[in-house]
PDB file of N, CA and C in Angstrom:
ATOM      1  N   MET A   1       0.827  -1.200   0.000  1.00  0.00           N
ATOM      2  CA  MET A   1       0.000   0.000   0.000  1.00  0.00           C
ATOM      3  C   MET A   1       0.868   1.260   0.000  1.00  0.00           C
ATOM      4  N   ILE A   2       1.889   1.246   0.846  1.00  0.00           N
ATOM      5  CA  ILE A   2       2.768   2.416   0.937  1.00  0.00           C
ATOM      6  C   ILE A   2       3.569   2.580  -0.356  1.00  0.00           C
ATOM      7  N   MET A   3       4.006   1.443  -0.930  1.00  0.00           N
ATOM      8  CA  MET A   3       4.774   1.519  -2.175  1.00  0.00           C
ATOM      9  C   MET A   3       3.936   2.101  -3.312  1.00  0.00           C
ATOM     10  N   SER A   4       2.659   1.743  -3.358  1.00  0.00           N
ATOM     11  CA  SER A   4       1.811   2.280  -4.423  1.00  0.00           C
ATOM     12  C   SER A   4       1.607   3.782  -4.246  1.00  0.00           C
ATOM     13  N   THR A   5       1.530   4.241  -2.995  1.00  0.00           N
ATOM     14  CA  THR A   5       1.400   5.676  -2.740  1.00  0.00           C
ATOM     15  C   THR A   5       2.658   6.412  -3.195  1.00  0.00           C
ATOM     16  N   TYR A   6       3.828   5.855  -2.853  1.00  0.00           N
ATOM     17  CA  TYR A   6       5.076   6.471  -3.288  1.00  0.00           C
ATOM     18  C   TYR A   6       5.196   6.445  -4.810  1.00  0.00           C
ATOM     19  N   PHE A   7       4.755   5.357  -5.415  1.00  0.00           N
ATOM     20  CA  PHE A   7       4.809   5.241  -6.866  1.00  0.00           C
ATOM     21  C   PHE A   7       3.957   6.320  -7.529  1.00  0.00           C
ATOM     22  N   ILE A   8       2.765   6.558  -7.011  1.00  0.00           N
ATOM     23  CA  ILE A   8       1.880   7.591  -7.557  1.00  0.00           C
ATOM     24  C   ILE A   8       2.511   8.970  -7.396  1.00  0.00           C
ATOM     25  N   ILE A   9       3.108   9.230  -6.244  1.00  0.00           N
ATOM     26  CA  ILE A   9       3.751  10.526  -6.001  1.00  0.00           C
ATOM     27  C   ILE A   9       4.927  10.724  -6.959  1.00  0.00           C
ATOM     28  N   ILE A  10       5.721   9.685  -7.155  1.00  0.00           N
ATOM     29  CA  ILE A  10       6.867   9.794  -8.062  1.00  0.00           C
ATOM     30  C   ILE A  10       6.399  10.023  -9.497  1.00  0.00           C
ATOM     31  N   ILE A  11       5.373   9.312  -9.936  1.00  0.00           N
ATOM     32  CA  ILE A  11       4.836   9.494 -11.289  1.00  0.00           C
ATOM     33  C   ILE A  11       4.305  10.915 -11.463  1.00  0.00           C
ATOM     34  N   MET A  12       3.596  11.413 -10.467  1.00  0.00           N
ATOM     35  CA  MET A  12       3.071  12.783 -10.551  1.00  0.00           C
ATOM     36  C   MET A  12       4.206  13.794 -10.608  1.00  0.00           C
ATOM     37  N   PHE A  13       5.264  13.581  -9.827  1.00  0.00           N
ATOM     38  CA  PHE A  13       6.411  14.484  -9.842  1.00  0.00           C
ATOM     39  C   PHE A  13       7.077  14.483 -11.220  1.00  0.00           C
ATOM     40  N   ILE A  14       7.228  13.304 -11.803  1.00  0.00           N
ATOM     41  CA  ILE A  14       7.833  13.211 -13.135  1.00  0.00           C
ATOM     42  C   ILE A  14       6.963  13.925 -14.166  1.00  0.00           C
ATOM     43  N   MET A  15       5.658  13.751 -14.079  1.00  0.00           N
ATOM     44  CA  MET A  15       4.757  14.421 -15.025  1.00  0.00           C
ATOM     45  C   MET A  15       4.820  15.936 -14.870  1.00  0.00           C
ATOM     46  N   ILE A  16       4.893  16.415 -13.641  1.00  0.00           N
ATOM     47  CA  ILE A  16       5.008  17.858 -13.411  1.00  0.00           C
ATOM     48  C   ILE A  16       6.303  18.384 -14.015  1.00  0.00           C
ATOM     49  N   MET A  17       7.387  17.666 -13.819  1.00  0.00           N
ATOM     50  CA  MET A  17       8.667  18.106 -14.377  1.00  0.00           C
ATOM     51  C   MET A  17       8.618  18.122 -15.908  1.00  0.00           C
ATOM     52  N   ILE A  18       7.983  17.134 -16.507  1.00  0.00           N
ATOM     53  CA  ILE A  18       7.860  17.106 -17.972  1.00  0.00           C
ATOM     54  C   ILE A  18       7.036  18.292 -18.454  1.00  0.00           C
ATOM     55  N   ILE A  19       5.942  18.575 -17.759  1.00  0.00           N
ATOM     56  CA  ILE A  19       5.093  19.707 -18.146  1.00  0.00           C
ATOM     57  C   ILE A  19       5.852  21.025 -18.009  1.00  0.00           C
ATOM     58  N   LYS A  20       6.740  21.132 -17.041  1.00  0.00           N
ATOM     59  CA  LYS A  20       7.521  22.359 -16.865  1.00  0.00           C
ATOM     60  C   LYS A  20       8.662  22.471 -17.873  1.00  0.00           C
ATOM     61  N   ILE A  21       9.238  21.354 -18.293  1.00  0.00           N
ATOM     62  CA  ILE A  21      10.405  21.390 -19.172  1.00  0.00           C
ATOM     63  C   ILE A  21      10.015  21.544 -20.645  1.00  0.00           C
ATOM     64  N   ILE A  22       8.909  20.968 -21.076  1.00  0.00           N
ATOM     65  CA  ILE A  22       8.510  21.017 -22.496  1.00  0.00           C
ATOM     66  C   ILE A  22       8.397  22.444 -23.029  1.00  0.00           C
ATOM     67  N   PRO A  23       7.772  23.393 -22.334  1.00  0.00           N
ATOM     68  CA  PRO A  23       7.737  24.760 -22.880  1.00  0.00           C
ATOM     69  C   PRO A  23       9.125  25.386 -23.016  1.00  0.00           C
ATOM     70  N   LEU A  24      10.054  25.034 -22.136  1.00  0.00           N
ATOM     71  CA  LEU A  24      11.409  25.578 -22.252  1.00  0.00           C
ATOM     72  C   LEU A  24      12.115  25.033 -23.493  1.00  0.00           C
ATOM     73  N   ILE A  25      11.895  23.783 -23.800  1.00  0.00           N
ATOM     74  CA  ILE A  25      12.510  23.186 -24.983  1.00  0.00           C
ATOM     75  C   ILE A  25      11.854  23.716 -26.254  1.00  0.00           C
ATOM     76  N   ASN A  26      10.560  23.892 -26.228  1.00  0.00           N
ATOM     77  CA  ASN A  26       9.790  24.276 -27.408  1.00  0.00           C
ATOM     78  C   ASN A  26       9.746  25.792 -27.630  1.00  0.00           C
ATOM     79  N   MET A  27      10.383  26.548 -26.760  1.00  0.00           N
ATOM     80  CA  MET A  27      10.305  28.001 -26.834  1.00  0.00           C
ATOM     81  C   MET A  27      10.992  28.524 -28.104  1.00  0.00           C
ATOM     82  N   HIS A  28      10.314  29.436 -28.786  1.00  0.00           N
ATOM     83  CA  HIS A  28      10.877  30.046 -29.990  1.00  0.00           C
ATOM     84  C   HIS A  28      11.852  31.142 -29.578  1.00  0.00           C
ATOM     85  N   LYS A  29      13.020  31.094 -30.176  1.00  0.00           N
ATOM     86  CA  LYS A  29      14.058  32.058 -29.805  1.00  0.00           C
ATOM     87  C   LYS A  29      13.965  33.360 -30.591  1.00  0.00           C
ATOM     88  N   ASN A  30      13.496  33.304 -31.825  1.00  0.00           N
ATOM     89  CA  ASN A  30      13.466  34.522 -32.637  1.00  0.00           C
ATOM     90  C   ASN A  30      12.150  35.263 -32.429  1.00  0.00           C
ATOM     91  N   THR A  31      12.265  36.540 -32.190  1.00  0.00           N
ATOM     92  CA  THR A  31      11.076  37.386 -32.039  1.00  0.00           C
ATOM     93  C   THR A  31      11.186  38.529 -33.037  1.00  0.00           C
ATOM     94  N   ASP A  32      10.115  38.766 -33.748  1.00  0.00           N
ATOM     95  CA  ASP A  32      10.088  39.884 -34.677  1.00  0.00           C
ATOM     96  C   ASP A  32       8.868  40.752 -34.365  1.00  0.00           C
ATOM     97  N   ARG A  33       8.697  41.783 -35.163  1.00  0.00           N
ATOM     98  CA  ARG A  33       7.628  42.745 -34.912  1.00  0.00           C
ATOM     99  C   ARG A  33       6.250  42.108 -34.977  1.00  0.00           C
ATOM    100  N   GLU A  34       6.054  41.181 -35.891  1.00  0.00           N
ATOM    101  CA  GLU A  34       4.741  40.551 -36.057  1.00  0.00           C
ATOM    102  C   GLU A  34       4.390  39.661 -34.865  1.00  0.00           C
ATOM    103  N   LYS A  35       5.383  38.979 -34.332  1.00  0.00           N
ATOM    104  CA  LYS A  35       5.101  38.099 -33.201  1.00  0.00           C
ATOM    105  C   LYS A  35       4.860  38.880 -31.917  1.00  0.00           C
ATOM    106  N   MET A  36       5.457  40.033 -31.797  1.00  0.00           N
ATOM    107  CA  MET A  36       5.327  40.823 -30.576  1.00  0.00           C
ATOM    108  C   MET A  36       4.118  41.751 -30.601  1.00  0.00           C
ATOM    109  N   SER A  37       3.465  41.924 -31.752  1.00  0.00           N
ATOM    110  CA  SER A  37       2.314  42.827 -31.832  1.00  0.00           C
ATOM    111  C   SER A  37       1.030  42.063 -31.511  1.00  0.00           C
ATOM    112  N   PRO A  38       0.019  42.765 -30.980  1.00  0.00           N
ATOM    113  CA  PRO A  38      -1.248  42.096 -30.681  1.00  0.00           C
ATOM    114  C   PRO A  38      -1.982  41.743 -31.969  1.00  0.00           C
ATOM    115  N   PHE A  39      -2.738  40.672 -31.925  1.00  0.00           N
ATOM    116  CA  PHE A  39      -3.469  40.209 -33.109  1.00  0.00           C
ATOM    117  C   PHE A  39      -4.867  40.809 -33.115  1.00  0.00           C
ATOM    118  N   GLU A  40      -5.201  41.500 -34.199  1.00  0.00           N
ATOM    119  CA  GLU A  40      -6.536  42.081 -34.351  1.00  0.00           C
ATOM    120  C   GLU A  40      -7.082  41.695 -35.713  1.00  0.00           C
ATOM    121  N   CYS A  41      -7.453  40.441 -35.864  1.00  0.00           N
ATOM    122  CA  CYS A  41      -8.086  39.930 -37.089  1.00  0.00           C
ATOM    123  C   CYS A  41      -7.241  40.201 -38.331  1.00  0.00           C
ATOM    124  N   GLY A  42      -5.937  40.156 -38.212  1.00  0.00           N
ATOM    125  CA  GLY A  42      -5.079  40.339 -39.361  1.00  0.00           C
ATOM    126  C   GLY A  42      -4.755  41.780 -39.688  1.00  0.00           C
ATOM    127  N   PHE A  43      -5.352  42.741 -39.004  1.00  0.00           N
ATOM    128  CA  PHE A  43      -5.095  44.155 -39.257  1.00  0.00           C
ATOM    129  C   PHE A  43      -4.074  44.680 -38.256  1.00  0.00           C
ATOM    130  N   ASP A  44      -3.362  45.721 -38.660  1.00  0.00           N
ATOM    131  CA  ASP A  44      -2.474  46.386 -37.716  1.00  0.00           C
ATOM    132  C   ASP A  44      -3.320  47.112 -36.681  1.00  0.00           C
ATOM    133  N   PRO A  45      -2.913  47.084 -35.421  1.00  0.00           N
ATOM    134  CA  PRO A  45      -3.713  47.760 -34.392  1.00  0.00           C
ATOM    135  C   PRO A  45      -3.707  49.271 -34.598  1.00  0.00           C
ATOM    136  N   PHE A  46      -4.857  49.893 -34.361  1.00  0.00           N
ATOM    137  CA  PHE A  46      -4.982  51.341 -34.532  1.00  0.00           C
ATOM    138  C   PHE A  46      -4.377  52.103 -33.361  1.00  0.00           C
ATOM    139  N   THR A  47      -4.532  51.573 -32.165  1.00  0.00           N
ATOM    140  CA  THR A  47      -4.010  52.242 -30.968  1.00  0.00           C
ATOM    141  C   THR A  47      -3.127  51.266 -30.206  1.00  0.00           C
ATOM    142  N   SER A  48      -2.513  51.779 -29.184  1.00  0.00           N
ATOM    143  CA  SER A  48      -1.663  50.947 -28.343  1.00  0.00           C
ATOM    144  C   SER A  48      -2.516  49.946 -27.565  1.00  0.00           C
ATOM    145  N   SER A  49      -1.994  48.748 -27.404  1.00  0.00           N
ATOM    146  CA  SER A  49      -2.734  47.748 -26.643  1.00  0.00           C
ATOM    147  C   SER A  49      -2.603  47.984 -25.143  1.00  0.00           C
ATOM    148  N   ARG A  50      -1.716  48.842 -24.753  1.00  0.00           N
ATOM    149  CA  ARG A  50      -1.523  49.180 -23.341  1.00  0.00           C
ATOM    150  C   ARG A  50      -2.316  50.436 -23.018  1.00  0.00           C
ATOM    151  N   ILE A  51      -3.569  50.265 -22.648  1.00  0.00           N
ATOM    152  CA  ILE A  51      -4.423  51.400 -22.307  1.00  0.00           C
ATOM    153  C   ILE A  51      -4.384  51.582 -20.798  1.00  0.00           C
ATOM    154  N   SER A  52      -4.078  52.782 -20.368  1.00  0.00           N
ATOM    155  CA  SER A  52      -4.025  53.024 -18.928  1.00  0.00           C
ATOM    156  C   SER A  52      -5.437  53.110 -18.374  1.00  0.00           C
ATOM    157  N   PHE A  53      -5.581  52.717 -17.128  1.00  0.00           N
ATOM    158  CA  PHE A  53      -6.876  52.808 -16.474  1.00  0.00           C
ATOM    159  C   PHE A  53      -6.684  53.441 -15.111  1.00  0.00           C
ATOM    160  N   SER A  54      -7.763  53.859 -14.541  1.00  0.00           N
ATOM    161  CA  SER A  54      -7.723  54.593 -13.288  1.00  0.00           C
ATOM    162  C   SER A  54      -7.323  53.677 -12.131  1.00  0.00           C
ATOM    163  N   ILE A  55      -6.393  54.139 -11.327  1.00  0.00           N
ATOM    164  CA  ILE A  55      -6.000  53.406 -10.126  1.00  0.00           C
ATOM    165  C   ILE A  55      -7.166  53.355  -9.147  1.00  0.00           C
ATOM    166  N   HIS A  56      -7.987  54.390  -9.153  1.00  0.00           N
ATOM    167  CA  HIS A  56      -9.157  54.407  -8.275  1.00  0.00           C
ATOM    168  C   HIS A  56     -10.117  53.273  -8.648  1.00  0.00           C
ATOM    169  N   PHE A  57     -10.294  53.040  -9.928  1.00  0.00           N
ATOM    170  CA  PHE A  57     -11.120  51.916 -10.371  1.00  0.00           C
ATOM    171  C   PHE A  57     -10.533  50.601  -9.878  1.00  0.00           C
ATOM    172  N   PHE A  58      -9.222  50.469  -9.929  1.00  0.00           N
ATOM    173  CA  PHE A  58      -8.550  49.260  -9.460  1.00  0.00           C
ATOM    174  C   PHE A  58      -8.777  49.057  -7.965  1.00  0.00           C
ATOM    175  N   SER A  59      -8.700  50.135  -7.166  1.00  0.00           N
ATOM    176  CA  SER A  59      -8.912  49.996  -5.720  1.00  0.00           C
ATOM    177  C   SER A  59     -10.361  49.630  -5.407  1.00  0.00           C
ATOM    178  N   ILE A  60     -11.315  50.164  -6.170  1.00  0.00           N
ATOM    179  CA  ILE A  60     -12.718  49.790  -5.959  1.00  0.00           C
ATOM    180  C   ILE A  60     -12.925  48.323  -6.326  1.00  0.00           C
ATOM    181  N   MET A  61     -12.257  47.870  -7.360  1.00  0.00           N
ATOM    182  CA  MET A  61     -12.354  46.463  -7.732  1.00  0.00           C
ATOM    183  C   MET A  61     -11.794  45.571  -6.632  1.00  0.00           C
ATOM    184  N   LEU A  62     -10.677  45.963  -6.031  1.00  0.00           N
ATOM    185  CA  LEU A  62     -10.107  45.185  -4.932  1.00  0.00           C
ATOM    186  C   LEU A  62     -11.033  45.174  -3.722  1.00  0.00           C
ATOM    187  N   MET A  63     -11.653  46.329  -3.406  1.00  0.00           N
ATOM    188  CA  MET A  63     -12.612  46.366  -2.294  1.00  0.00           C
ATOM    189  C   MET A  63     -13.776  45.429  -2.563  1.00  0.00           C
ATOM    190  N   PHE A  64     -14.290  45.459  -3.781  1.00  0.00           N
ATOM    191  CA  PHE A  64     -15.396  44.569  -4.130  1.00  0.00           C
ATOM    192  C   PHE A  64     -14.994  43.113  -3.952  1.00  0.00           C
ATOM    193  N   LEU A  65     -13.794  42.767  -4.391  1.00  0.00           N
ATOM    194  CA  LEU A  65     -13.328  41.395  -4.281  1.00  0.00           C
ATOM    195  C   LEU A  65     -13.209  40.964  -2.821  1.00  0.00           C
ATOM    196  N   ILE A  66     -12.640  41.832  -1.980  1.00  0.00           N
ATOM    197  CA  ILE A  66     -12.484  41.504  -0.562  1.00  0.00           C
ATOM    198  C   ILE A  66     -13.838  41.359   0.112  1.00  0.00           C
ATOM    199  N   PHE A  67     -14.747  42.304  -0.126  1.00  0.00           N
ATOM    200  CA  PHE A  67     -16.067  42.211   0.489  1.00  0.00           C
ATOM    201  C   PHE A  67     -16.844  41.012  -0.058  1.00  0.00           C
ATOM    202  N   ASP A  68     -16.636  40.671  -1.302  1.00  0.00           N
ATOM    203  CA  ASP A  68     -17.309  39.515  -1.879  1.00  0.00           C
ATOM    204  C   ASP A  68     -16.830  38.227  -1.220  1.00  0.00           C
ATOM    205  N   ILE A  69     -15.536  38.122  -0.965  1.00  0.00           N
ATOM    206  CA  ILE A  69     -15.001  36.947  -0.276  1.00  0.00           C
ATOM    207  C   ILE A  69     -15.555  36.870   1.139  1.00  0.00           C
ATOM    208  N   GLU A  70     -15.663  38.013   1.817  1.00  0.00           N
ATOM    209  CA  GLU A  70     -16.225  37.999   3.166  1.00  0.00           C
ATOM    210  C   GLU A  70     -17.690  37.580   3.145  1.00  0.00           C
ATOM    211  N   ILE A  71     -18.428  37.997   2.143  1.00  0.00           N
ATOM    212  CA  ILE A  71     -19.831  37.585   2.038  1.00  0.00           C
ATOM    213  C   ILE A  71     -19.924  36.076   1.824  1.00  0.00           C
ATOM    214  N   THR A  72     -19.033  35.519   1.011  1.00  0.00           N
ATOM    215  CA  THR A  72     -19.067  34.065   0.819  1.00  0.00           C
ATOM    216  C   THR A  72     -18.717  33.319   2.097  1.00  0.00           C
ATOM    217  N   MET A  73     -17.991  33.956   3.003  1.00  0.00           N
ATOM    218  CA  MET A  73     -17.724  33.331   4.297  1.00  0.00           C
ATOM    219  C   MET A  73     -18.917  33.467   5.239  1.00  0.00           C
ATOM    220  N   ILE A  74     -19.732  34.492   5.051  1.00  0.00           N
ATOM    221  CA  ILE A  74     -20.897  34.693   5.915  1.00  0.00           C
ATOM    222  C   ILE A  74     -22.068  33.809   5.480  1.00  0.00           C
ATOM    223  N   LEU A  75     -22.196  33.529   4.194  1.00  0.00           N
ATOM    224  CA  LEU A  75     -23.345  32.766   3.695  1.00  0.00           C
ATOM    225  C   LEU A  75     -23.535  31.394   4.351  1.00  0.00           C
ATOM    226  N   PRO A  76     -22.486  30.636   4.650  1.00  0.00           N
ATOM    227  CA  PRO A  76     -22.725  29.321   5.266  1.00  0.00           C
ATOM    228  C   PRO A  76     -23.041  29.368   6.760  1.00  0.00           C
ATOM    229  N   LEU A  77     -23.103  30.544   7.358  1.00  0.00           N
ATOM    230  CA  LEU A  77     -23.337  30.627   8.805  1.00  0.00           C
ATOM    231  C   LEU A  77     -24.618  29.933   9.269  1.00  0.00           C
ATOM    232  N   PRO A  78     -25.737  30.040   8.569  1.00  0.00           N
ATOM    233  CA  PRO A  78     -26.923  29.316   9.056  1.00  0.00           C
ATOM    234  C   PRO A  78     -26.736  27.798   9.093  1.00  0.00           C
ATOM    235  N   MET A  79     -25.979  27.243   8.167  1.00  0.00           N
ATOM    236  CA  MET A  79     -25.755  25.794   8.174  1.00  0.00           C
ATOM    237  C   MET A  79     -24.765  25.386   9.256  1.00  0.00           C
ATOM    238  N   ILE A  80     -23.806  26.250   9.562  1.00  0.00           N
ATOM    239  CA  ILE A  80     -22.835  25.949  10.608  1.00  0.00           C
ATOM    240  C   ILE A  80     -23.527  25.873  11.963  1.00  0.00           C
ATOM    241  N   LYS A  81     -24.586  26.635  12.130  1.00  0.00           N
ATOM    242  CA  LYS A  81     -25.312  26.665  13.403  1.00  0.00           C
ATOM    243  C   LYS A  81     -25.794  25.277  13.809  1.00  0.00           C
ATOM    244  N   LEU A  82     -26.083  24.431  12.861  1.00  0.00           N
ATOM    245  CA  LEU A  82     -26.569  23.085  13.163  1.00  0.00           C
ATOM    246  C   LEU A  82     -25.481  22.180  13.734  1.00  0.00           C
ATOM    247  N   HIS A  83     -24.215  22.518  13.510  1.00  0.00           N
ATOM    248  CA  HIS A  83     -23.128  21.612  13.863  1.00  0.00           C
ATOM    249  C   HIS A  83     -22.268  22.078  15.035  1.00  0.00           C
ATOM    250  N   ILE A  84     -22.406  23.303  15.478  1.00  0.00           N
ATOM    251  CA  ILE A  84     -21.596  23.778  16.602  1.00  0.00           C
ATOM    252  C   ILE A  84     -22.501  24.353  17.681  1.00  0.00           C
ATOM    253  N   LYS A  85     -21.899  24.633  18.823  1.00  0.00           N
ATOM    254  CA  LYS A  85     -22.667  25.189  19.939  1.00  0.00           C
ATOM    255  C   LYS A  85     -23.147  26.594  19.599  1.00  0.00           C
ATOM    256  N   LEU A  86     -24.247  26.977  20.199  1.00  0.00           N
ATOM    257  CA  LEU A  86     -24.866  28.267  19.910  1.00  0.00           C
ATOM    258  C   LEU A  86     -23.923  29.425  20.249  1.00  0.00           C
ATOM    259  N   MET A  87     -23.237  29.330  21.380  1.00  0.00           N
ATOM    260  CA  MET A  87     -22.344  30.423  21.794  1.00  0.00           C
ATOM    261  C   MET A  87     -21.184  30.593  20.799  1.00  0.00           C
ATOM    262  N   HIS A  88     -20.625  29.482  20.339  1.00  0.00           N
ATOM    263  CA  HIS A  88     -19.539  29.564  19.356  1.00  0.00           C
ATOM    264  C   HIS A  88     -20.042  30.154  18.045  1.00  0.00           C
ATOM    265  N   TRP A  89     -21.244  29.768  17.654  1.00  0.00           N
ATOM    266  CA  TRP A  89     -21.825  30.287  16.419  1.00  0.00           C
ATOM    267  C   TRP A  89     -22.045  31.792  16.515  1.00  0.00           C
ATOM    268  N   ILE A  90     -22.551  32.259  17.669  1.00  0.00           N
ATOM    269  CA  ILE A  90     -22.784  33.698  17.861  1.00  0.00           C
ATOM    270  C   ILE A  90     -21.465  34.456  17.826  1.00  0.00           C
ATOM    271  N   MET A  91     -20.441  33.924  18.501  1.00  0.00           N
ATOM    272  CA  MET A  91     -19.129  34.592  18.519  1.00  0.00           C
ATOM    273  C   MET A  91     -18.536  34.660  17.104  1.00  0.00           C
ATOM    274  N   PHE A  92     -18.611  33.565  16.365  1.00  0.00           N
ATOM    275  CA  PHE A  92     -18.069  33.546  15.009  1.00  0.00           C
ATOM    276  C   PHE A  92     -18.844  34.497  14.103  1.00  0.00           C
ATOM    277  N   SER A  93     -20.159  34.505  14.227  1.00  0.00           N
ATOM    278  CA  SER A  93     -20.987  35.393  13.404  1.00  0.00           C
ATOM    279  C   SER A  93     -20.679  36.853  13.700  1.00  0.00           C
ATOM    280  N   LEU A  94     -20.597  37.191  14.981  1.00  0.00           N
ATOM    281  CA  LEU A  94     -20.288  38.576  15.347  1.00  0.00           C
ATOM    282  C   LEU A  94     -18.893  38.977  14.882  1.00  0.00           C
ATOM    283  N   PHE A  95     -17.949  38.060  14.969  1.00  0.00           N
ATOM    284  CA  PHE A  95     -16.587  38.342  14.518  1.00  0.00           C
ATOM    285  C   PHE A  95     -16.557  38.616  13.015  1.00  0.00           C
ATOM    286  N   MET A  96     -17.243  37.796  12.232  1.00  0.00           N
ATOM    287  CA  MET A  96     -17.267  37.992  10.781  1.00  0.00           C
ATOM    288  C   MET A  96     -17.949  39.311  10.413  1.00  0.00           C
ATOM    289  N   ILE A  97     -19.055  39.609  11.046  1.00  0.00           N
ATOM    290  CA  ILE A  97     -19.758  40.864  10.762  1.00  0.00           C
ATOM    291  C   ILE A  97     -18.926  42.053  11.230  1.00  0.00           C
ATOM    292  N   PHE A  98     -18.216  41.911  12.355  1.00  0.00           N
ATOM    293  CA  PHE A  98     -17.339  42.972  12.854  1.00  0.00           C
ATOM    294  C   PHE A  98     -16.236  43.282  11.841  1.00  0.00           C
ATOM    295  N   ILE A  99     -15.605  42.242  11.298  1.00  0.00           N
ATOM    296  CA  ILE A  99     -14.554  42.454  10.295  1.00  0.00           C
ATOM    297  C   ILE A  99     -15.124  43.153   9.063  1.00  0.00           C
ATOM    298  N   LEU A 100     -16.298  42.737   8.622  1.00  0.00           N
ATOM    299  CA  LEU A 100     -16.929  43.337   7.449  1.00  0.00           C
ATOM    300  C   LEU A 100     -17.256  44.808   7.688  1.00  0.00           C
ATOM    301  N   VAL A 101     -17.822  45.126   8.849  1.00  0.00           N
ATOM    302  CA  VAL A 101     -18.191  46.512   9.160  1.00  0.00           C
ATOM    303  C   VAL A 101     -16.944  47.373   9.349  1.00  0.00           C
ATOM    304  N   MET A 102     -15.901  46.841   9.988  1.00  0.00           N
ATOM    305  CA  MET A 102     -14.669  47.613  10.181  1.00  0.00           C
ATOM    306  C   MET A 102     -14.002  47.921   8.833  1.00  0.00           C
ATOM    307  N   GLY A 103     -14.010  46.978   7.919  1.00  0.00           N
ATOM    308  CA  GLY A 103     -13.467  47.242   6.586  1.00  0.00           C
ATOM    309  C   GLY A 103     -14.260  48.308   5.857  1.00  0.00           C
ATOM    310  N   LEU A 104     -15.586  48.261   5.993  1.00  0.00           N
ATOM    311  CA  LEU A 104     -16.433  49.264   5.358  1.00  0.00           C
ATOM    312  C   LEU A 104     -16.183  50.646   5.954  1.00  0.00           C
ATOM    313  N   ILE A 105     -16.051  50.725   7.282  1.00  0.00           N
ATOM    314  CA  ILE A 105     -15.784  52.013   7.939  1.00  0.00           C
ATOM    315  C   ILE A 105     -14.421  52.550   7.513  1.00  0.00           C
ATOM    316  N   LEU A 106     -13.427  51.681   7.446  1.00  0.00           N
ATOM    317  CA  LEU A 106     -12.087  52.110   7.030  1.00  0.00           C
ATOM    318  C   LEU A 106     -12.107  52.685   5.617  1.00  0.00           C
ATOM    319  N   GLU A 107     -12.766  52.009   4.703  1.00  0.00           N
ATOM    320  CA  GLU A 107     -12.846  52.512   3.332  1.00  0.00           C
ATOM    321  C   GLU A 107     -13.661  53.799   3.258  1.00  0.00           C
ATOM    322  N   TRP A 108     -14.662  53.927   4.076  1.00  0.00           N
ATOM    323  CA  TRP A 108     -15.484  55.135   4.096  1.00  0.00           C
ATOM    324  C   TRP A 108     -14.681  56.312   4.639  1.00  0.00           C
ATOM    325  N   LYS A 109     -13.908  56.095   5.720  1.00  0.00           N
ATOM    326  CA  LYS A 109     -13.096  57.169   6.309  1.00  0.00           C
ATOM    327  C   LYS A 109     -12.014  57.643   5.339  1.00  0.00           C
ATOM    328  N   GLU A 110     -11.448  56.716   4.584  1.00  0.00           N
ATOM    329  CA  GLU A 110     -10.418  57.093   3.612  1.00  0.00           C
ATOM    330  C   GLU A 110     -11.019  57.692   2.349  1.00  0.00           C
ATOM    331  N   SER A 111     -12.323  57.711   2.272  1.00  0.00           N
ATOM    332  CA  SER A 111     -13.096  58.168   1.106  1.00  0.00           C
ATOM    333  C   SER A 111     -12.639  57.456  -0.170  1.00  0.00           C
ATOM    334  N   SER A 112     -12.344  56.181  -0.026  1.00  0.00           N
ATOM    335  CA  SER A 112     -11.928  55.382  -1.179  1.00  0.00           C
ATOM    336  C   SER A 112     -13.101  55.011  -2.064  1.00  0.00           C
ATOM    337  N   MET A 113     -14.309  55.036  -1.518  1.00  0.00           N
ATOM    338  CA  MET A 113     -15.469  54.606  -2.292  1.00  0.00           C
ATOM    339  C   MET A 113     -16.134  55.747  -3.047  1.00  0.00           C
ATOM    340  N   GLU A 114     -15.620  56.952  -2.926  1.00  0.00           N
ATOM    341  CA  GLU A 114     -16.188  58.083  -3.660  1.00  0.00           C
ATOM    342  C   GLU A 114     -15.516  58.184  -5.020  1.00  0.00           C
ATOM    343  N   TRP A 115     -16.324  58.240  -6.056  1.00  0.00           N
ATOM    344  CA  TRP A 115     -15.778  58.358  -7.404  1.00  0.00           C
ATOM    345  C   TRP A 115     -15.439  59.815  -7.682  1.00  0.00           C
ATOM    346  N   LYS A 116     -14.207  60.066  -8.060  1.00  0.00           N
ATOM    347  CA  LYS A 116     -13.750  61.448  -8.254  1.00  0.00           C
ATOM    348  C   LYS A 116     -13.699  61.782  -9.714  1.00  0.00           C
TER     349      LYS A 116
END
C-alpha cells in the first residue's frame, strides 16, 4: 500500500517536471515585430494595446473582491449553526460581521469609495 502511494507521487512528480520542461525546450528564440504585436483579425492595431486605467477603479475592484469573499464566508453561517454550539456560532458570526463593518468604515473614512 505504501509503495503504491510512493509510486503515484513519483509518477506525478515526473509528469510535473515534464510539463515544466517542455515549454522551455519548445520556446521560440526569434522574435520579430509581427510576433510581438497584438493580433486584431489580421489588421495592424490602430491604438496601443496598453491602455491606462484609473487606479481608483482598481482599488474599488479590490474592495469589491475583498467584500465579496467575506460575504461568501458569511453565507454558510446558518448551516454551521446546526453543527456547533450556539455560543460559538454567535461569537463567530459577530466576529465575521465585525470584520466586514470595520473594513467598510475604514474605506469610508479614507473616502476610497467616492468616485472622483
